[in-house]
Amino acid sequence: MIRTKKLDCGTTVIMEQIPHLQSVALGAWVRAGSVDEPSKIAGVSHYIEHMMFKGTENRTAKEIAADVDRIGGQFNAFTGKEATCYYIKTLSSNLDKAAEILLDMLLNSRMDEKEMQKEKSVICEEIKMIQDTPDDDAHDTVCELVFKGNPLGNSIIGTPASLDNIDRSVLVDYMTKEYTRDSIVIAIAGNFDENAICEMFQDKLKVLKAEKQPKAYTLEPYCPGYKVKTKDIEQSHISLAVRGVALEDEEYYAMGLLSNIMGGSMSSRLFQNIREEKGLAYSVYSVSSSFSNSGYFNIYAGVAHDKIRDAIEGIKEELETLKRSGVTEEELATAKEQMKSSYIFGQENVTGRMFSIGKNMVICGKIHTPEEVIEGFNRVTMDDIRRTAERICDMSAYCGAAVTNKDFDLKSIMEA
């Protein structure tokens, strides 16, 4: 059972009781991510996430890690386009200790300048790691192209140059403005005492600023863009993407099913064409990513350097087939079972459930029960799929990014 409570301090607590378990996952979600950042200090949300682990007024970084280990906990955090999450999974009997650690980090982090310098070096190494992972680089690049001129195109991790613009005063100022009581959602799933957890956060969070200043922006018009990055690598990585749907869009479920049909499994069209029939790629797939006010549909393939044109032509074949013939009833039925299974599998642990309810509440201000999600997939019709397919079947509307060993005219290949 999922219950939501608005605390007197203005923070929302969303709770899913699973009484037969002996574990619990607790997450503090903050409605602050790369979309909130001025370009000059790109990566500041992610920087703060790192610094939360570097010591508080009560604990050193080592003591934070030791205290989590002492209760047998699993502890981590991540930053996204629209939110940051800090979470702990532990035994239900240790929930009060886990919550105290989480609160200590949120409210008492020191943001020590010496630690900041060390962590900046760590983040710069993380940037290099992404750049040395060409498929990740291709995905990030095509996302920037799809949302060029819009906050959703901002880099989550930032750049070495933008990190140089972030000192302690910038971190503290940004955190004061963004980590407000109304922008925080406490999400918890497992076996726990509802009243106790609400009381703990009610009292402690009052020290934070009450409200976050709203940021309104108009999504700029979409225009296809192209970018090729050259590196000394053994394989070319292609990422083709077009604007998709938002989280609350009426076509959200249809887009998820269509993505599954196109490239979500070993029986999908792209996998069968590009890998099985043509033997062009080991990894080829499609994915639909959604945010509060937009989204994008992305096709990826990793191919030999001399097979880029062949792979893009194969992808174009499948898009043209989709436009000409649509999908079959059997494909839609199979996709529904796969998507429902994937969703349910992700819900069969407390962390997955906490992620689901927390993300939806912090970004959309509402949650969808498992029953609603399953029904969302079940009610998609062939007409829904045909209408949604119009968004993704035209190759000329796609942005293109490639990470390869030598420069080439990606635009001309895609438009051929």
Protein backbone atom coordinates (compact mmCIF):
# COMPACT_ATOMS: atom_id res chain seq x y z
CA MET A 1 0.00 0.00 0.00
CA ILE A 2 1.34 3.42 -0.99
CA ARG A 3 0.62 6.42 1.22
CA THR A 4 1.61 10.06 0.80
CA LYS A 5 1.89 12.58 3.61
CA LYS A 6 2.70 16.27 3.40
CA LEU A 7 4.63 17.23 6.51
CA ASP A 8 3.93 20.52 8.26
CA CYS A 9 7.37 21.71 7.16
CA GLY A 10 6.33 21.38 3.50
CA THR A 11 8.21 18.22 2.58
CA THR A 12 6.38 15.27 1.04
CA VAL A 13 6.91 11.75 2.37
CA ILE A 14 5.83 8.88 0.16
CA MET A 15 5.67 5.45 1.77
CA GLU A 16 5.09 1.93 0.52
CA GLN A 17 4.59 -0.63 3.26
CA ILE A 18 5.69 -4.21 2.57
CA PRO A 19 5.17 -5.76 6.02
CA HIS A 20 6.48 -9.28 5.26
CA LEU A 21 9.99 -8.00 4.53
CA GLN A 22 12.82 -7.34 6.98
CA SER A 23 14.49 -4.61 4.92
CA VAL A 24 13.81 -1.03 3.95
CA ALA A 25 15.07 1.43 1.31
CA LEU A 26 15.10 5.10 2.26
CA GLY A 27 15.75 7.84 -0.26
CA ALA A 28 15.95 11.62 -0.13
CA TRP A 29 15.02 12.99 -3.56
CA VAL A 30 15.83 16.61 -4.37
CA ARG A 31 14.23 18.38 -7.32
CA ALA A 32 17.57 19.75 -8.49
CA GLY A 33 19.58 18.54 -11.44
CA SER A 34 21.40 19.74 -14.52
CA VAL A 35 18.29 21.53 -15.84
CA ASP A 36 18.56 23.96 -12.92
CA GLU A 37 22.14 24.99 -13.57
CA PRO A 38 23.51 28.09 -15.32
CA SER A 39 25.96 26.97 -18.02
CA LYS A 40 28.81 28.74 -16.24
CA ILE A 41 28.56 26.30 -13.32
CA ALA A 42 27.40 23.20 -15.21
CA GLY A 43 27.84 20.11 -13.05
CA VAL A 44 27.22 21.84 -9.72
CA SER A 45 24.36 19.47 -8.77
CA HIS A 46 26.62 16.48 -9.38
CA TYR A 47 29.48 18.19 -7.52
CA ILE A 48 27.24 18.64 -4.45
CA GLU A 49 26.24 14.97 -4.64
CA HIS A 50 29.91 14.00 -4.42
CA MET A 51 30.62 16.44 -1.58
CA MET A 52 27.80 15.01 0.53
CA PHE A 53 30.01 11.98 1.14
CA LYS A 54 33.09 14.00 2.10
CA GLY A 55 32.28 14.75 5.72
CA THR A 56 29.80 16.55 7.96
CA GLU A 57 30.07 18.55 11.15
CA ASN A 58 29.65 15.24 12.99
CA ARG A 59 31.45 12.69 10.81
CA THR A 60 34.48 12.43 8.58
CA ALA A 61 34.08 10.82 5.15
CA LYS A 62 35.53 7.61 6.56
CA GLU A 63 33.14 7.67 9.51
CA ILE A 64 30.15 8.09 7.18
CA ALA A 65 31.23 4.96 5.30
CA ALA A 66 32.01 3.08 8.52
CA ASP A 67 28.66 3.94 10.12
CA VAL A 68 26.79 2.69 7.06
CA ASP A 69 28.83 -0.51 7.08
CA ARG A 70 28.17 -0.90 10.79
CA ILE A 71 24.44 -1.26 10.15
CA GLY A 72 24.98 -3.52 7.12
CA GLY A 73 23.69 -0.83 4.81
CA GLN A 74 24.05 -0.21 1.09
CA PHE A 75 24.55 3.48 0.42
CA ASN A 76 24.76 5.52 -2.78
CA ALA A 77 23.55 8.55 -4.71
CA PHE A 78 23.07 9.74 -8.28
CA THR A 79 22.35 12.96 -10.14
CA GLY A 80 20.04 13.22 -13.14
CA LYS A 81 18.68 15.86 -15.46
CA GLU A 82 15.89 16.87 -13.07
CA ALA A 83 16.65 15.38 -9.66
CA THR A 84 19.32 14.11 -7.28
CA CYS A 85 18.80 11.10 -5.02
CA TYR A 86 20.62 9.91 -1.87
CA TYR A 87 19.59 6.52 -0.58
CA ILE A 88 20.29 3.76 1.94
CA LYS A 89 19.04 0.19 2.01
CA THR A 90 19.27 -1.56 5.36
CA LEU A 91 17.51 -3.87 7.79
CA SER A 92 14.24 -2.50 9.15
CA SER A 93 15.70 -2.70 12.65
CA ASN A 94 18.39 -0.19 11.65
CA LEU A 95 16.18 2.34 9.89
CA ASP A 96 16.50 5.01 12.57
CA LYS A 97 20.30 4.89 12.32
CA ALA A 98 20.17 4.99 8.53
CA ALA A 99 17.85 8.00 8.57
CA GLU A 100 20.13 9.82 11.00
CA ILE A 101 23.12 9.32 8.69
CA LEU A 102 21.16 10.53 5.69
CA LEU A 103 19.93 13.59 7.56
CA ASP A 104 23.41 14.38 8.83
CA MET A 105 24.68 14.47 5.25
CA LEU A 106 21.79 16.56 3.95
CA LEU A 107 21.88 19.12 6.74
CA ASN A 108 25.46 19.21 8.05
CA SER A 109 27.81 18.59 5.13
CA ARG A 110 30.90 20.76 5.57
CA MET A 111 31.73 21.36 1.91
CA ASP A 112 35.36 21.65 2.98
CA GLU A 113 37.47 23.57 0.47
CA LYS A 114 40.40 21.14 0.60
CA GLU A 115 38.04 18.22 0.05
CA MET A 116 36.42 20.16 -2.80
CA GLN A 117 39.75 20.40 -4.60
CA LYS A 118 40.35 16.68 -4.24
CA GLU A 119 36.83 15.85 -5.37
CA LYS A 120 37.15 18.13 -8.38
CA SER A 121 40.06 15.94 -9.48
CA VAL A 122 37.91 12.85 -8.92
CA ILE A 123 35.11 14.30 -11.08
CA CYS A 124 37.59 15.24 -13.81
CA GLU A 125 38.67 11.60 -13.84
CA GLU A 126 34.99 10.63 -14.09
CA ILE A 127 34.68 12.94 -17.11
CA LYS A 128 37.68 11.21 -18.69
CA MET A 129 36.12 7.82 -17.96
CA ILE A 130 32.97 8.82 -19.84
CA GLN A 131 35.04 10.15 -22.72
CA ASP A 132 36.95 6.86 -22.76
CA THR A 133 33.63 4.98 -22.92
CA PRO A 134 32.57 5.82 -26.47
CA ASP A 135 29.02 4.48 -26.28
CA ASP A 136 28.32 6.72 -23.27
CA ASP A 137 29.96 9.61 -25.08
CA ALA A 138 27.73 9.03 -28.13
CA HIS A 139 24.59 8.93 -25.97
CA ASP A 140 25.51 12.14 -24.13
CA THR A 141 26.35 13.90 -27.39
CA VAL A 142 23.10 13.02 -29.13
CA CYS A 143 21.11 14.12 -26.05
CA GLU A 144 22.84 17.50 -26.21
CA LEU A 145 21.91 17.74 -29.90
CA VAL A 146 18.27 16.79 -29.38
CA PHE A 147 17.84 19.41 -26.66
CA LYS A 148 20.21 22.05 -28.00
CA GLY A 149 19.34 25.45 -26.51
CA ASN A 150 17.27 23.81 -23.75
CA PRO A 151 18.20 22.96 -20.15
CA LEU A 152 17.62 19.26 -20.84
CA GLY A 153 20.66 19.42 -23.10
CA ASN A 154 22.89 20.44 -20.18
CA SER A 155 25.70 18.08 -19.18
CA ILE A 156 25.03 16.39 -15.84
CA ILE A 157 28.70 16.04 -14.98
CA GLY A 158 29.88 19.39 -16.34
CA THR A 159 33.29 20.15 -17.84
CA PRO A 160 36.72 20.87 -16.33
CA ALA A 161 36.17 24.54 -17.24
CA SER A 162 32.77 24.78 -15.55
CA LEU A 163 34.08 22.96 -12.46
CA ASP A 164 36.80 25.61 -12.17
CA ASN A 165 34.03 28.20 -11.73
CA ILE A 166 32.60 26.39 -8.70
CA ASP A 167 34.06 27.32 -5.33
CA ARG A 168 32.61 26.73 -1.88
CA SER A 169 30.44 29.85 -1.97
CA VAL A 170 28.87 28.71 -5.25
CA LEU A 171 28.14 25.25 -3.83
CA VAL A 172 26.60 26.61 -0.64
CA ASP A 173 24.55 29.25 -2.48
CA TYR A 174 23.22 26.74 -5.01
CA MET A 175 22.38 24.20 -2.32
CA THR A 176 20.59 26.84 -0.20
CA LYS A 177 18.41 27.81 -3.16
CA GLU A 178 17.73 24.32 -4.50
CA TYR A 179 17.67 22.06 -1.41
CA THR A 180 14.46 23.49 0.01
CA ARG A 181 11.74 21.78 1.99
CA ASP A 182 9.24 21.93 -0.86
CA SER A 183 11.74 20.49 -3.37
CA ILE A 184 12.57 17.41 -1.26
CA VAL A 185 10.66 14.14 -1.34
CA ILE A 186 11.41 11.44 1.21
CA ALA A 187 10.62 8.04 -0.32
CA ILE A 188 10.63 4.82 1.65
CA ALA A 189 9.67 1.24 0.82
CA GLY A 190 9.77 -1.90 2.96
CA ASN A 191 8.91 -2.65 6.56
CA PHE A 192 8.91 0.48 8.77
CA ASP A 193 6.91 2.62 11.20
CA GLU A 194 5.19 5.40 9.25
CA ASN A 195 4.67 7.76 12.17
CA ALA A 196 8.26 7.43 13.37
CA ILE A 197 9.81 8.22 9.98
CA CYS A 198 7.51 11.21 9.40
CA GLU A 199 8.27 12.59 12.84
CA MET A 200 12.01 12.29 12.32
CA PHE A 201 12.03 14.26 9.06
CA GLN A 202 9.41 16.75 10.22
CA ASP A 203 11.58 18.05 13.01
CA LYS A 204 14.96 17.99 11.30
CA LEU A 205 14.14 19.52 7.91
CA LYS A 206 12.80 22.77 9.37
CA VAL A 207 16.30 24.26 9.21
CA LEU A 208 16.13 24.30 5.41
CA LYS A 209 14.70 27.16 3.37
CA ALA A 210 10.96 26.71 2.84
CA GLU A 211 10.52 27.19 -0.89
CA LYS A 212 12.45 26.93 -4.11
CA GLN A 213 12.19 29.75 -6.61
CA PRO A 214 10.38 28.30 -9.63
CA LYS A 215 12.23 28.25 -12.94
CA ALA A 216 9.98 28.44 -15.95
CA TYR A 217 11.37 27.89 -19.42
CA THR A 218 9.86 27.35 -22.83
CA LEU A 219 11.12 24.35 -24.75
CA GLU A 220 12.94 25.70 -27.78
CA PRO A 221 11.94 24.41 -31.25
CA TYR A 222 13.58 21.19 -32.34
CA CYS A 223 16.08 21.11 -35.18
CA PRO A 224 18.17 18.07 -36.20
CA GLY A 225 21.90 18.35 -35.55
CA TYR A 226 24.92 16.18 -36.27
CA LYS A 227 28.28 15.65 -34.61
CA VAL A 228 31.20 13.30 -35.17
CA LYS A 229 33.94 12.81 -32.57
CA THR A 230 37.18 11.20 -33.63
CA LYS A 231 39.20 9.02 -31.26
CA ASP A 232 41.69 6.21 -31.49
CA ILE A 233 39.20 3.40 -30.92
CA GLU A 234 38.54 -0.01 -32.45
CA GLN A 235 34.80 0.36 -33.07
CA SER A 236 32.45 3.11 -34.24
CA HIS A 237 29.52 4.07 -32.01
CA ILE A 238 26.40 5.55 -33.61
CA SER A 239 23.55 7.20 -31.73
CA LEU A 240 20.53 8.52 -33.64
CA ALA A 241 17.75 10.28 -31.75
CA VAL A 242 14.61 12.35 -32.14
CA ARG A 243 12.31 14.14 -29.69
CA GLY A 244 9.97 11.77 -27.89
CA VAL A 245 7.38 12.03 -25.12
CA ALA A 246 7.22 13.39 -21.57
CA LEU A 247 6.55 11.26 -18.50
CA GLU A 248 2.90 12.28 -18.32
CA ASP A 249 2.28 12.33 -22.08
CA GLU A 250 -0.72 10.32 -23.21
CA GLU A 251 1.58 8.44 -25.60
CA TYR A 252 4.11 7.51 -22.89
CA TYR A 253 3.13 3.84 -22.72
CA ALA A 254 2.77 3.50 -26.48
CA MET A 255 6.27 4.94 -26.97
CA GLY A 256 7.72 2.47 -24.48
CA LEU A 257 6.08 -0.44 -26.30
CA LEU A 258 7.16 0.85 -29.71
CA SER A 259 10.76 1.21 -28.51
CA ASN A 260 10.64 -2.37 -27.29
CA ILE A 261 9.36 -3.57 -30.67
CA MET A 262 12.05 -1.65 -32.53
CA GLY A 263 15.07 -2.44 -30.37
CA GLY A 264 14.25 -3.66 -26.90
CA SER A 265 15.02 -7.37 -27.11
CA MET A 266 16.72 -10.12 -29.13
CA SER A 267 13.56 -10.57 -31.21
CA SER A 268 13.25 -6.84 -31.91
CA ARG A 269 13.39 -5.49 -35.44
CA LEU A 270 16.69 -3.64 -35.17
CA PHE A 271 18.44 -6.58 -33.47
CA GLN A 272 17.19 -9.04 -36.06
CA ASN A 273 18.08 -6.80 -39.01
CA ILE A 274 21.35 -5.17 -37.95
CA ARG A 275 22.87 -8.02 -35.97
CA GLU A 276 21.27 -11.30 -36.99
CA GLU A 277 20.63 -10.73 -40.72
CA LYS A 278 23.40 -8.29 -41.65
CA GLY A 279 25.98 -9.17 -38.99
CA LEU A 280 26.92 -5.51 -38.57
CA ALA A 281 26.82 -5.03 -34.79
CA TYR A 282 27.21 -6.89 -31.55
CA SER A 283 25.19 -4.28 -29.65
CA VAL A 284 22.19 -2.57 -31.23
CA TYR A 285 19.10 -1.33 -29.43
CA SER A 286 16.63 1.51 -28.96
CA VAL A 287 15.42 3.25 -25.82
CA SER A 288 12.80 5.85 -24.96
CA SER A 289 13.80 8.35 -22.26
CA SER A 290 11.23 10.71 -20.72
CA PHE A 291 11.40 13.82 -18.54
CA SER A 292 8.82 16.15 -17.02
CA ASN A 293 8.18 18.15 -20.19
CA SER A 294 9.82 16.23 -23.05
CA GLY A 295 11.78 13.12 -23.96
CA TYR A 296 13.70 11.45 -26.75
CA PHE A 297 13.84 8.19 -28.69
CA ASN A 298 17.37 6.90 -29.25
CA ILE A 299 18.79 4.17 -31.51
CA TYR A 300 22.33 2.94 -30.81
CA ALA A 301 24.66 0.62 -32.72
CA GLY A 302 28.32 -0.29 -32.24
CA VAL A 303 29.82 -1.28 -35.62
CA ALA A 304 33.10 -1.68 -37.52
CA HIS A 305 34.48 1.60 -38.84
CA ASP A 306 33.77 0.64 -42.45
CA LYS A 307 30.19 -0.46 -41.71
CA ILE A 308 28.76 2.88 -40.52
CA ARG A 309 26.89 3.54 -43.76
CA ASP A 310 25.54 -0.02 -43.89
CA ALA A 311 24.30 0.20 -40.30
CA ILE A 312 22.57 3.55 -40.84
CA GLU A 313 20.95 2.20 -44.01
CA GLY A 314 19.73 -0.82 -42.05
CA ILE A 315 18.26 1.45 -39.38
CA LYS A 316 16.60 3.53 -42.09
CA GLU A 317 15.12 0.37 -43.59
CA GLU A 318 13.44 -0.46 -40.30
CA LEU A 319 12.09 3.07 -39.87
CA GLU A 320 10.69 3.01 -43.41
CA THR A 321 9.12 -0.40 -42.77
CA LEU A 322 7.55 0.97 -39.61
CA LYS A 323 6.13 3.92 -41.55
CA ARG A 324 4.87 1.75 -44.40
CA SER A 325 3.54 -1.29 -42.56
CA GLY A 326 3.27 -0.40 -38.87
CA VAL A 327 3.51 -3.26 -36.37
CA THR A 328 1.62 -6.52 -36.03
CA GLU A 329 -0.84 -7.50 -33.34
CA GLU A 330 1.58 -10.24 -32.29
CA GLU A 331 4.45 -7.77 -31.91
CA LEU A 332 2.31 -5.50 -29.76
CA ALA A 333 1.12 -8.38 -27.56
CA THR A 334 4.70 -9.60 -27.08
CA ALA A 335 5.94 -6.10 -26.26
CA LYS A 336 3.22 -5.68 -23.64
CA GLU A 337 4.29 -8.87 -21.88
CA GLN A 338 7.96 -7.87 -22.02
CA MET A 339 7.37 -4.36 -20.69
CA LYS A 340 5.07 -5.54 -17.91
CA SER A 341 7.56 -8.23 -16.92
CA SER A 342 10.45 -5.77 -16.89
CA TYR A 343 8.47 -3.37 -14.72
CA ILE A 344 7.37 -6.06 -12.26
CA PHE A 345 10.90 -7.51 -12.01
CA GLY A 346 12.15 -4.06 -11.05
CA GLN A 347 9.49 -3.82 -8.36
CA GLU A 348 10.50 -7.03 -6.63
CA ASN A 349 13.04 -5.35 -4.37
CA VAL A 350 12.64 -2.46 -1.97
CA THR A 351 15.18 -0.21 -3.71
CA GLY A 352 13.38 -0.55 -7.04
CA ARG A 353 10.10 0.37 -5.40
CA MET A 354 11.63 3.34 -3.64
CA PHE A 355 13.13 4.57 -6.91
CA SER A 356 9.79 4.26 -8.68
CA ILE A 357 7.66 6.15 -6.17
CA GLY A 358 10.35 8.72 -5.36
CA LYS A 359 11.19 9.67 -8.95
CA ASN A 360 7.57 10.10 -9.99
CA MET A 361 6.69 12.16 -6.96
CA VAL A 362 9.68 14.51 -7.13
CA ILE A 363 9.46 15.08 -10.90
CA CYS A 364 5.74 14.77 -11.64
CA GLY A 365 4.18 15.47 -8.25
CA LYS A 366 2.22 12.20 -8.37
CA ILE A 367 2.79 8.47 -8.39
CA HIS A 368 1.38 5.63 -10.42
CA THR A 369 0.58 2.41 -8.61
CA PRO A 370 1.79 -0.89 -10.11
CA GLU A 371 -1.80 -1.57 -11.12
CA GLU A 372 -1.97 1.74 -13.00
CA VAL A 373 1.30 1.06 -14.81
CA ILE A 374 0.20 -2.41 -15.90
CA GLU A 375 -3.13 -1.00 -17.07
CA GLY A 376 -1.25 1.74 -18.94
CA PHE A 377 0.51 -0.88 -21.06
CA ASN A 378 -2.59 -3.06 -21.42
CA ARG A 379 -4.79 -0.30 -22.82
CA VAL A 380 -2.45 0.68 -25.68
CA THR A 381 -4.14 -0.08 -29.00
CA MET A 382 -2.87 -0.54 -32.53
CA ASP A 383 -4.16 2.94 -33.32
CA ASP A 384 -2.08 4.33 -30.45
CA ILE A 385 1.02 2.63 -31.85
CA ARG A 386 0.36 3.97 -35.37
CA ARG A 387 -0.02 7.50 -34.03
CA THR A 388 3.11 7.27 -31.90
CA ALA A 389 5.12 5.74 -34.75
CA GLU A 390 4.71 8.99 -36.68
CA ARG A 391 7.06 10.59 -34.15
CA ILE A 392 9.98 8.27 -34.89
CA CYS A 393 9.71 6.85 -38.42
CA ASP A 394 11.27 9.73 -40.38
CA MET A 395 15.09 9.50 -40.50
CA SER A 396 15.34 13.11 -41.75
CA ALA A 397 14.05 14.29 -38.34
CA TYR A 398 16.83 12.54 -36.38
CA CYS A 399 19.90 14.01 -34.77
CA GLY A 400 23.03 11.98 -35.27
CA ALA A 401 26.15 11.48 -33.15
CA ALA A 402 29.08 9.21 -33.86
CA VAL A 403 32.29 8.41 -32.02
CA THR A 404 34.72 6.85 -34.48
CA ASN A 405 38.33 6.79 -35.65
CA LYS A 406 38.09 9.40 -38.44
CA ASP A 407 35.82 12.25 -39.44
CA PHE A 408 33.08 11.75 -42.02
CA ASP A 409 29.90 13.44 -43.24
CA LEU A 410 27.28 11.88 -40.97
CA LYS A 411 24.53 14.21 -42.17
CA SER A 412 24.89 13.18 -45.82
CA ILE A 413 24.75 9.48 -44.93
CA MET A 414 21.61 9.98 -42.84
CA GLU A 415 19.95 12.06 -45.57
CA ALA A 416 20.95 9.74 -48.43
